Amino acid sequence: MIWIYEGQNESPATCSRNATLTNPYYLWVMEHKLSGQEFNFVPYRIIPSVSYPPGYDLFSIKVDLGSAQVLTGATTTGQTNVHLLDGEYYLSIYETPTQTLTIPSVDNLVYQAITQVVLSGASETPVAYSGTSSVFKIYEP
């Protein structure tokens, strides 16, 4: 399972060992298990180095609902931002020769997994009762 946390931007996946193209881009297709909503994006791939062995790839995927959505990673790690829902996803990663958001052929599928997206924003956090009449009691810590 791949975990994607809000505000963090490094997610590993073993894609390049299954790739057939030279220096491909990787199209991520994520389907939310509960709602069925689909999210397609091409994240920036962090090139393997001594710190990141070539046994897997690292991708820059940032979840920041307060910033503009950018569905392609371009050339630096901070440029991919996807507005995902909280929860589990079916993930399929395709190799593609360009930074396109269209789904390539099934022959280009290089990785499949389940992904968990964890949002930690204030809107997702229950509010504790403060003792004032203007705040509703949602739970007691």
N, C-alpha and C. Protein backbone atom coordinates (compact mmCIF):
# COMPACT_ATOMS: atom_id res chain seq x y z
N MET A 1 0.85 -1.19 0.00
CA MET A 1 0.00 0.00 0.00
C MET A 1 0.88 1.24 0.00
N ILE A 2 0.50 2.21 -0.81
CA ILE A 2 1.19 3.50 -0.85
C ILE A 2 0.41 4.49 0.00
N TRP A 3 1.11 5.20 0.86
CA TRP A 3 0.49 6.22 1.71
C TRP A 3 0.84 7.59 1.17
N ILE A 4 -0.17 8.44 1.02
CA ILE A 4 0.03 9.83 0.60
C ILE A 4 -0.54 10.72 1.70
N TYR A 5 0.34 11.50 2.33
CA TYR A 5 -0.07 12.38 3.42
C TYR A 5 -0.14 13.82 2.95
N GLU A 6 -1.16 14.53 3.39
CA GLU A 6 -1.30 15.94 3.06
C GLU A 6 -0.06 16.70 3.55
N GLY A 7 0.49 17.55 2.68
CA GLY A 7 1.64 18.36 3.03
C GLY A 7 2.98 17.69 2.80
N GLN A 8 3.00 16.38 2.56
CA GLN A 8 4.25 15.68 2.25
C GLN A 8 4.23 15.33 0.76
N ASN A 9 5.40 15.14 0.18
CA ASN A 9 5.38 14.98 -1.28
C ASN A 9 6.34 13.91 -1.81
N GLU A 10 6.55 12.83 -1.10
CA GLU A 10 7.36 11.76 -1.65
C GLU A 10 6.62 10.43 -1.50
N SER A 11 6.25 9.83 -2.62
CA SER A 11 5.57 8.54 -2.62
C SER A 11 6.35 7.55 -3.47
N PRO A 12 6.70 6.36 -2.92
CA PRO A 12 7.47 5.38 -3.68
C PRO A 12 6.58 4.41 -4.44
N ALA A 13 7.06 3.96 -5.59
CA ALA A 13 6.39 2.91 -6.36
C ALA A 13 7.43 2.26 -7.26
N THR A 14 7.32 0.97 -7.49
CA THR A 14 8.27 0.27 -8.36
C THR A 14 7.73 0.26 -9.77
N CYS A 15 8.06 1.30 -10.54
CA CYS A 15 7.53 1.46 -11.90
C CYS A 15 8.57 1.24 -12.97
N SER A 16 9.75 1.82 -12.81
CA SER A 16 10.73 1.82 -13.90
C SER A 16 11.20 0.42 -14.27
N ARG A 17 11.16 -0.52 -13.32
CA ARG A 17 11.61 -1.87 -13.66
C ARG A 17 10.64 -2.57 -14.62
N ASN A 18 9.40 -2.07 -14.72
CA ASN A 18 8.41 -2.65 -15.65
C ASN A 18 8.24 -1.82 -16.92
N ALA A 19 8.93 -0.69 -16.99
CA ALA A 19 8.76 0.23 -18.13
C ALA A 19 9.46 -0.30 -19.37
N THR A 20 8.91 0.03 -20.52
CA THR A 20 9.52 -0.35 -21.80
C THR A 20 9.99 0.87 -22.58
N LEU A 21 9.53 2.07 -22.21
CA LEU A 21 9.95 3.29 -22.88
C LEU A 21 11.22 3.83 -22.23
N THR A 22 12.00 4.58 -23.00
CA THR A 22 13.18 5.24 -22.45
C THR A 22 12.76 6.57 -21.83
N ASN A 23 13.09 6.76 -20.56
CA ASN A 23 12.73 7.99 -19.82
C ASN A 23 11.25 8.36 -19.95
N PRO A 24 10.35 7.46 -19.56
CA PRO A 24 8.93 7.77 -19.70
C PRO A 24 8.43 8.70 -18.59
N TYR A 25 7.28 9.30 -18.83
CA TYR A 25 6.52 9.96 -17.78
C TYR A 25 5.59 8.88 -17.20
N TYR A 26 5.09 9.10 -16.00
CA TYR A 26 4.20 8.12 -15.38
C TYR A 26 2.87 8.77 -15.04
N LEU A 27 1.82 8.28 -15.70
CA LEU A 27 0.46 8.76 -15.47
C LEU A 27 -0.15 7.97 -14.33
N TRP A 28 -0.54 8.65 -13.25
CA TRP A 28 -1.20 8.02 -12.12
C TRP A 28 -2.71 8.16 -12.29
N VAL A 29 -3.42 7.04 -12.23
CA VAL A 29 -4.88 7.03 -12.30
C VAL A 29 -5.36 6.46 -10.97
N MET A 30 -6.00 7.31 -10.17
CA MET A 30 -6.47 6.91 -8.84
C MET A 30 -7.99 6.97 -8.79
N GLU A 31 -8.62 5.85 -8.44
CA GLU A 31 -10.08 5.78 -8.30
C GLU A 31 -10.43 5.63 -6.83
N HIS A 32 -11.16 6.60 -6.30
CA HIS A 32 -11.57 6.58 -4.90
C HIS A 32 -12.52 5.40 -4.67
N LYS A 33 -12.19 4.53 -3.73
CA LYS A 33 -12.96 3.29 -3.56
C LYS A 33 -14.40 3.54 -3.13
N LEU A 34 -14.64 4.58 -2.34
CA LEU A 34 -15.99 4.84 -1.84
C LEU A 34 -16.86 5.59 -2.85
N SER A 35 -16.33 6.66 -3.42
CA SER A 35 -17.14 7.49 -4.31
C SER A 35 -17.03 7.10 -5.78
N GLY A 36 -15.95 6.39 -6.15
CA GLY A 36 -15.73 6.06 -7.55
C GLY A 36 -15.14 7.20 -8.36
N GLN A 37 -14.88 8.34 -7.71
CA GLN A 37 -14.31 9.49 -8.42
C GLN A 37 -12.88 9.17 -8.85
N GLU A 38 -12.52 9.59 -10.08
CA GLU A 38 -11.21 9.28 -10.63
C GLU A 38 -10.36 10.53 -10.71
N PHE A 39 -9.08 10.39 -10.34
CA PHE A 39 -8.12 11.47 -10.40
C PHE A 39 -6.95 11.03 -11.27
N ASN A 40 -6.61 11.81 -12.30
CA ASN A 40 -5.49 11.51 -13.20
C ASN A 40 -4.46 12.63 -13.08
N PHE A 41 -3.19 12.28 -12.93
CA PHE A 41 -2.14 13.29 -12.88
C PHE A 41 -0.80 12.65 -13.21
N VAL A 42 0.15 13.49 -13.62
CA VAL A 42 1.50 13.05 -13.95
C VAL A 42 2.44 13.73 -12.97
N PRO A 43 2.85 13.05 -11.91
CA PRO A 43 3.72 13.69 -10.92
C PRO A 43 5.16 13.80 -11.40
N TYR A 44 5.91 14.67 -10.74
CA TYR A 44 7.34 14.77 -11.01
C TYR A 44 8.03 13.53 -10.44
N ARG A 45 8.86 12.90 -11.23
CA ARG A 45 9.60 11.71 -10.78
C ARG A 45 10.96 12.15 -10.25
N ILE A 46 11.23 11.81 -8.99
CA ILE A 46 12.52 12.12 -8.39
C ILE A 46 13.50 11.06 -8.87
N ILE A 47 14.51 11.48 -9.59
CA ILE A 47 15.46 10.56 -10.21
C ILE A 47 16.22 9.78 -9.13
N PRO A 48 16.37 8.44 -9.30
CA PRO A 48 17.09 7.64 -8.31
C PRO A 48 18.54 8.12 -8.13
N SER A 49 19.02 8.02 -6.90
CA SER A 49 20.40 8.40 -6.58
C SER A 49 20.89 7.45 -5.50
N VAL A 50 21.99 7.79 -4.89
CA VAL A 50 22.50 6.96 -3.79
C VAL A 50 21.48 6.92 -2.65
N SER A 51 20.83 8.04 -2.39
CA SER A 51 19.83 8.10 -1.31
C SER A 51 18.57 7.32 -1.67
N TYR A 52 18.23 7.31 -2.97
CA TYR A 52 17.03 6.62 -3.44
C TYR A 52 17.46 5.55 -4.43
N PRO A 53 17.69 4.32 -3.97
CA PRO A 53 18.17 3.27 -4.88
C PRO A 53 17.20 3.04 -6.04
N PRO A 54 17.71 2.54 -7.17
CA PRO A 54 16.85 2.36 -8.34
C PRO A 54 15.88 1.19 -8.24
N GLY A 55 15.78 0.53 -7.08
CA GLY A 55 14.81 -0.55 -6.91
C GLY A 55 13.37 -0.04 -6.91
N TYR A 56 13.19 1.25 -6.67
CA TYR A 56 11.87 1.86 -6.73
C TYR A 56 12.02 3.31 -7.17
N ASP A 57 10.91 3.92 -7.50
CA ASP A 57 10.91 5.32 -7.92
C ASP A 57 10.24 6.16 -6.84
N LEU A 58 10.65 7.40 -6.71
CA LEU A 58 9.97 8.34 -5.84
C LEU A 58 9.28 9.38 -6.70
N PHE A 59 8.06 9.71 -6.34
CA PHE A 59 7.27 10.68 -7.08
C PHE A 59 6.85 11.81 -6.15
N SER A 60 6.87 13.01 -6.68
CA SER A 60 6.44 14.18 -5.92
C SER A 60 4.94 14.37 -6.10
N ILE A 61 4.19 14.07 -5.04
CA ILE A 61 2.74 14.24 -5.05
C ILE A 61 2.37 15.04 -3.80
N LYS A 62 1.96 16.26 -3.99
CA LYS A 62 1.60 17.11 -2.86
C LYS A 62 0.08 17.25 -2.81
N VAL A 63 -0.47 17.11 -1.63
CA VAL A 63 -1.90 17.34 -1.43
C VAL A 63 -2.02 18.59 -0.57
N ASP A 64 -2.45 19.68 -1.16
CA ASP A 64 -2.62 20.95 -0.46
C ASP A 64 -3.89 21.59 -1.00
N LEU A 65 -4.98 21.42 -0.26
CA LEU A 65 -6.27 21.89 -0.75
C LEU A 65 -6.37 23.41 -0.79
N GLY A 66 -5.43 24.11 -0.12
CA GLY A 66 -5.44 25.57 -0.10
C GLY A 66 -4.70 26.19 -1.26
N SER A 67 -4.02 25.37 -2.07
CA SER A 67 -3.26 25.88 -3.21
C SER A 67 -3.90 25.44 -4.52
N ALA A 68 -3.51 26.10 -5.59
CA ALA A 68 -4.05 25.75 -6.90
C ALA A 68 -3.65 24.33 -7.29
N GLN A 69 -4.53 23.65 -7.98
CA GLN A 69 -4.26 22.28 -8.41
C GLN A 69 -3.40 22.30 -9.68
N VAL A 70 -2.29 21.55 -9.65
CA VAL A 70 -1.39 21.42 -10.78
C VAL A 70 -1.21 19.93 -11.02
N LEU A 71 -1.71 19.43 -12.14
CA LEU A 71 -1.78 17.99 -12.37
C LEU A 71 -0.58 17.40 -13.09
N THR A 72 0.40 18.23 -13.42
CA THR A 72 1.63 17.69 -14.00
C THR A 72 2.81 18.20 -13.20
N GLY A 73 3.81 17.37 -13.05
CA GLY A 73 4.94 17.69 -12.19
C GLY A 73 6.01 18.54 -12.81
N ALA A 74 5.92 18.77 -14.11
CA ALA A 74 6.91 19.61 -14.80
C ALA A 74 8.32 19.17 -14.45
N THR A 75 9.16 20.08 -13.94
CA THR A 75 10.57 19.75 -13.75
C THR A 75 11.08 19.83 -12.32
N THR A 76 10.26 20.24 -11.36
CA THR A 76 10.72 20.31 -9.98
C THR A 76 9.72 19.65 -9.05
N THR A 77 10.20 19.27 -7.87
CA THR A 77 9.38 18.47 -6.95
C THR A 77 8.17 19.20 -6.41
N GLY A 78 8.19 20.50 -6.33
CA GLY A 78 7.08 21.21 -5.72
C GLY A 78 5.93 21.55 -6.64
N GLN A 79 5.96 21.12 -7.88
CA GLN A 79 4.97 21.59 -8.84
C GLN A 79 3.76 20.69 -9.01
N THR A 80 3.73 19.50 -8.41
CA THR A 80 2.54 18.65 -8.53
C THR A 80 1.66 18.87 -7.31
N ASN A 81 0.43 19.26 -7.51
CA ASN A 81 -0.52 19.41 -6.40
C ASN A 81 -1.87 18.88 -6.87
N VAL A 82 -2.40 17.88 -6.14
CA VAL A 82 -3.65 17.23 -6.52
C VAL A 82 -4.63 17.39 -5.38
N HIS A 83 -5.87 17.73 -5.69
CA HIS A 83 -6.91 17.88 -4.67
C HIS A 83 -7.65 16.55 -4.51
N LEU A 84 -7.06 15.66 -3.72
CA LEU A 84 -7.62 14.32 -3.50
C LEU A 84 -8.59 14.31 -2.32
N LEU A 85 -9.47 13.31 -2.31
CA LEU A 85 -10.35 13.06 -1.17
C LEU A 85 -9.61 12.17 -0.18
N ASP A 86 -10.02 12.21 1.06
CA ASP A 86 -9.48 11.31 2.09
C ASP A 86 -9.96 9.89 1.81
N GLY A 87 -9.13 8.89 2.08
CA GLY A 87 -9.58 7.51 1.98
C GLY A 87 -8.72 6.64 1.09
N GLU A 88 -9.25 5.46 0.75
CA GLU A 88 -8.52 4.48 -0.05
C GLU A 88 -8.83 4.62 -1.54
N TYR A 89 -7.82 4.30 -2.35
CA TYR A 89 -7.93 4.39 -3.80
C TYR A 89 -7.38 3.12 -4.44
N TYR A 90 -7.92 2.81 -5.63
CA TYR A 90 -7.27 1.86 -6.52
C TYR A 90 -6.31 2.68 -7.37
N LEU A 91 -5.05 2.26 -7.44
CA LEU A 91 -4.04 3.00 -8.17
C LEU A 91 -3.54 2.18 -9.35
N SER A 92 -3.52 2.78 -10.52
CA SER A 92 -2.89 2.21 -11.71
C SER A 92 -1.93 3.25 -12.25
N ILE A 93 -0.68 2.83 -12.53
CA ILE A 93 0.32 3.74 -13.07
C ILE A 93 0.71 3.25 -14.46
N TYR A 94 0.65 4.17 -15.43
CA TYR A 94 0.96 3.87 -16.82
C TYR A 94 2.21 4.64 -17.23
N GLU A 95 3.05 4.02 -18.05
CA GLU A 95 4.15 4.76 -18.66
C GLU A 95 3.61 5.44 -19.91
N THR A 96 4.09 6.65 -20.18
CA THR A 96 3.64 7.40 -21.33
C THR A 96 4.79 8.26 -21.85
N PRO A 97 4.88 8.49 -23.14
CA PRO A 97 6.00 9.27 -23.69
C PRO A 97 5.88 10.77 -23.45
N THR A 98 4.69 11.27 -23.10
CA THR A 98 4.49 12.70 -22.89
C THR A 98 3.72 12.93 -21.59
N GLN A 99 3.70 14.18 -21.15
CA GLN A 99 2.96 14.53 -19.93
C GLN A 99 1.49 14.73 -20.26
N THR A 100 0.84 13.67 -20.71
CA THR A 100 -0.56 13.75 -21.09
C THR A 100 -1.42 13.17 -19.98
N LEU A 101 -2.64 13.65 -19.88
CA LEU A 101 -3.56 13.14 -18.86
C LEU A 101 -4.57 12.15 -19.43
N THR A 102 -4.38 11.76 -20.69
CA THR A 102 -5.25 10.74 -21.26
C THR A 102 -4.70 9.36 -20.92
N ILE A 103 -5.57 8.39 -20.76
CA ILE A 103 -5.14 7.05 -20.37
C ILE A 103 -4.57 6.32 -21.58
N PRO A 104 -3.30 5.89 -21.49
CA PRO A 104 -2.71 5.14 -22.60
C PRO A 104 -3.26 3.72 -22.64
N SER A 105 -2.73 2.93 -23.55
CA SER A 105 -3.22 1.56 -23.69
C SER A 105 -2.89 0.73 -22.47
N VAL A 106 -3.64 -0.35 -22.28
CA VAL A 106 -3.43 -1.24 -21.14
C VAL A 106 -2.04 -1.85 -21.18
N ASP A 107 -1.45 -1.96 -22.38
CA ASP A 107 -0.10 -2.51 -22.52
C ASP A 107 0.94 -1.68 -21.78
N ASN A 108 0.64 -0.41 -21.51
CA ASN A 108 1.59 0.48 -20.85
C ASN A 108 1.43 0.50 -19.33
N LEU A 109 0.59 -0.37 -18.77
CA LEU A 109 0.41 -0.44 -17.33
C LEU A 109 1.69 -1.00 -16.69
N VAL A 110 2.27 -0.27 -15.73
CA VAL A 110 3.51 -0.71 -15.10
C VAL A 110 3.39 -0.97 -13.60
N TYR A 111 2.27 -0.57 -12.98
CA TYR A 111 2.16 -0.75 -11.53
C TYR A 111 0.70 -0.63 -11.11
N GLN A 112 0.29 -1.48 -10.17
CA GLN A 112 -1.04 -1.37 -9.56
C GLN A 112 -0.92 -1.59 -8.06
N ALA A 113 -1.72 -0.87 -7.30
CA ALA A 113 -1.68 -0.98 -5.84
C ALA A 113 -2.92 -0.33 -5.24
N ILE A 114 -3.04 -0.48 -3.94
CA ILE A 114 -4.04 0.26 -3.17
C ILE A 114 -3.31 1.43 -2.52
N THR A 115 -3.93 2.59 -2.51
CA THR A 115 -3.32 3.79 -1.95
C THR A 115 -4.22 4.36 -0.86
N GLN A 116 -3.62 4.84 0.20
CA GLN A 116 -4.35 5.50 1.29
C GLN A 116 -3.96 6.96 1.32
N VAL A 117 -4.93 7.86 1.21
CA VAL A 117 -4.69 9.30 1.30
C VAL A 117 -5.15 9.77 2.66
N VAL A 118 -4.27 10.44 3.38
CA VAL A 118 -4.56 10.91 4.73
C VAL A 118 -4.50 12.43 4.75
N LEU A 119 -5.64 13.06 4.93
CA LEU A 119 -5.70 14.51 5.04
C LEU A 119 -5.61 14.89 6.51
N SER A 120 -4.85 15.94 6.78
CA SER A 120 -4.68 16.35 8.17
C SER A 120 -5.10 17.79 8.39
N GLY A 121 -5.81 18.36 7.43
CA GLY A 121 -6.22 19.76 7.53
C GLY A 121 -7.23 20.00 8.64
N ALA A 122 -7.38 21.25 9.00
CA ALA A 122 -8.29 21.61 10.10
C ALA A 122 -9.72 21.20 9.81
N SER A 123 -10.11 21.18 8.53
CA SER A 123 -11.49 20.83 8.19
C SER A 123 -11.78 19.35 8.44
N GLU A 124 -10.73 18.52 8.54
CA GLU A 124 -10.92 17.09 8.77
C GLU A 124 -10.83 16.71 10.24
N THR A 125 -10.45 17.67 11.11
CA THR A 125 -10.22 17.38 12.51
C THR A 125 -11.47 17.70 13.33
N PRO A 126 -11.95 16.76 14.16
CA PRO A 126 -13.09 17.06 15.03
C PRO A 126 -12.77 18.22 15.97
N VAL A 127 -13.80 18.97 16.34
CA VAL A 127 -13.62 20.13 17.20
C VAL A 127 -14.02 19.76 18.63
N ALA A 128 -13.15 20.02 19.58
CA ALA A 128 -13.45 19.75 20.99
C ALA A 128 -14.35 20.85 21.55
N TYR A 129 -15.19 20.52 22.51
CA TYR A 129 -16.08 21.48 23.15
C TYR A 129 -15.27 22.48 23.96
N SER A 130 -15.50 23.76 23.74
CA SER A 130 -14.71 24.78 24.41
C SER A 130 -15.43 25.41 25.60
N GLY A 131 -16.66 25.04 25.81
CA GLY A 131 -17.39 25.61 26.93
C GLY A 131 -18.19 26.84 26.58
N THR A 132 -18.09 27.35 25.37
CA THR A 132 -18.86 28.52 24.98
C THR A 132 -20.13 28.07 24.27
N SER A 133 -21.10 28.95 24.24
CA SER A 133 -22.38 28.60 23.63
C SER A 133 -22.31 28.61 22.10
N SER A 134 -21.26 29.19 21.53
CA SER A 134 -21.18 29.29 20.08
C SER A 134 -20.48 28.09 19.43
N VAL A 135 -19.95 27.18 20.23
CA VAL A 135 -19.26 26.00 19.71
C VAL A 135 -20.05 24.76 20.08
N PHE A 136 -20.42 23.94 19.10
CA PHE A 136 -21.18 22.73 19.37
C PHE A 136 -20.26 21.63 19.86
N LYS A 137 -20.76 20.83 20.76
CA LYS A 137 -19.99 19.71 21.31
C LYS A 137 -20.02 18.55 20.33
N ILE A 138 -18.87 18.22 19.73
CA ILE A 138 -18.79 17.12 18.77
C ILE A 138 -18.22 15.88 19.42
N TYR A 139 -17.23 16.03 20.25
CA TYR A 139 -16.70 14.88 20.99
C TYR A 139 -15.94 15.39 22.19
N GLU A 140 -15.70 14.52 23.14
CA GLU A 140 -14.90 14.87 24.31
C GLU A 140 -13.58 14.12 24.25
N PRO A 141 -12.45 14.83 24.34
CA PRO A 141 -11.17 14.13 24.32
C PRO A 141 -10.94 13.36 25.62
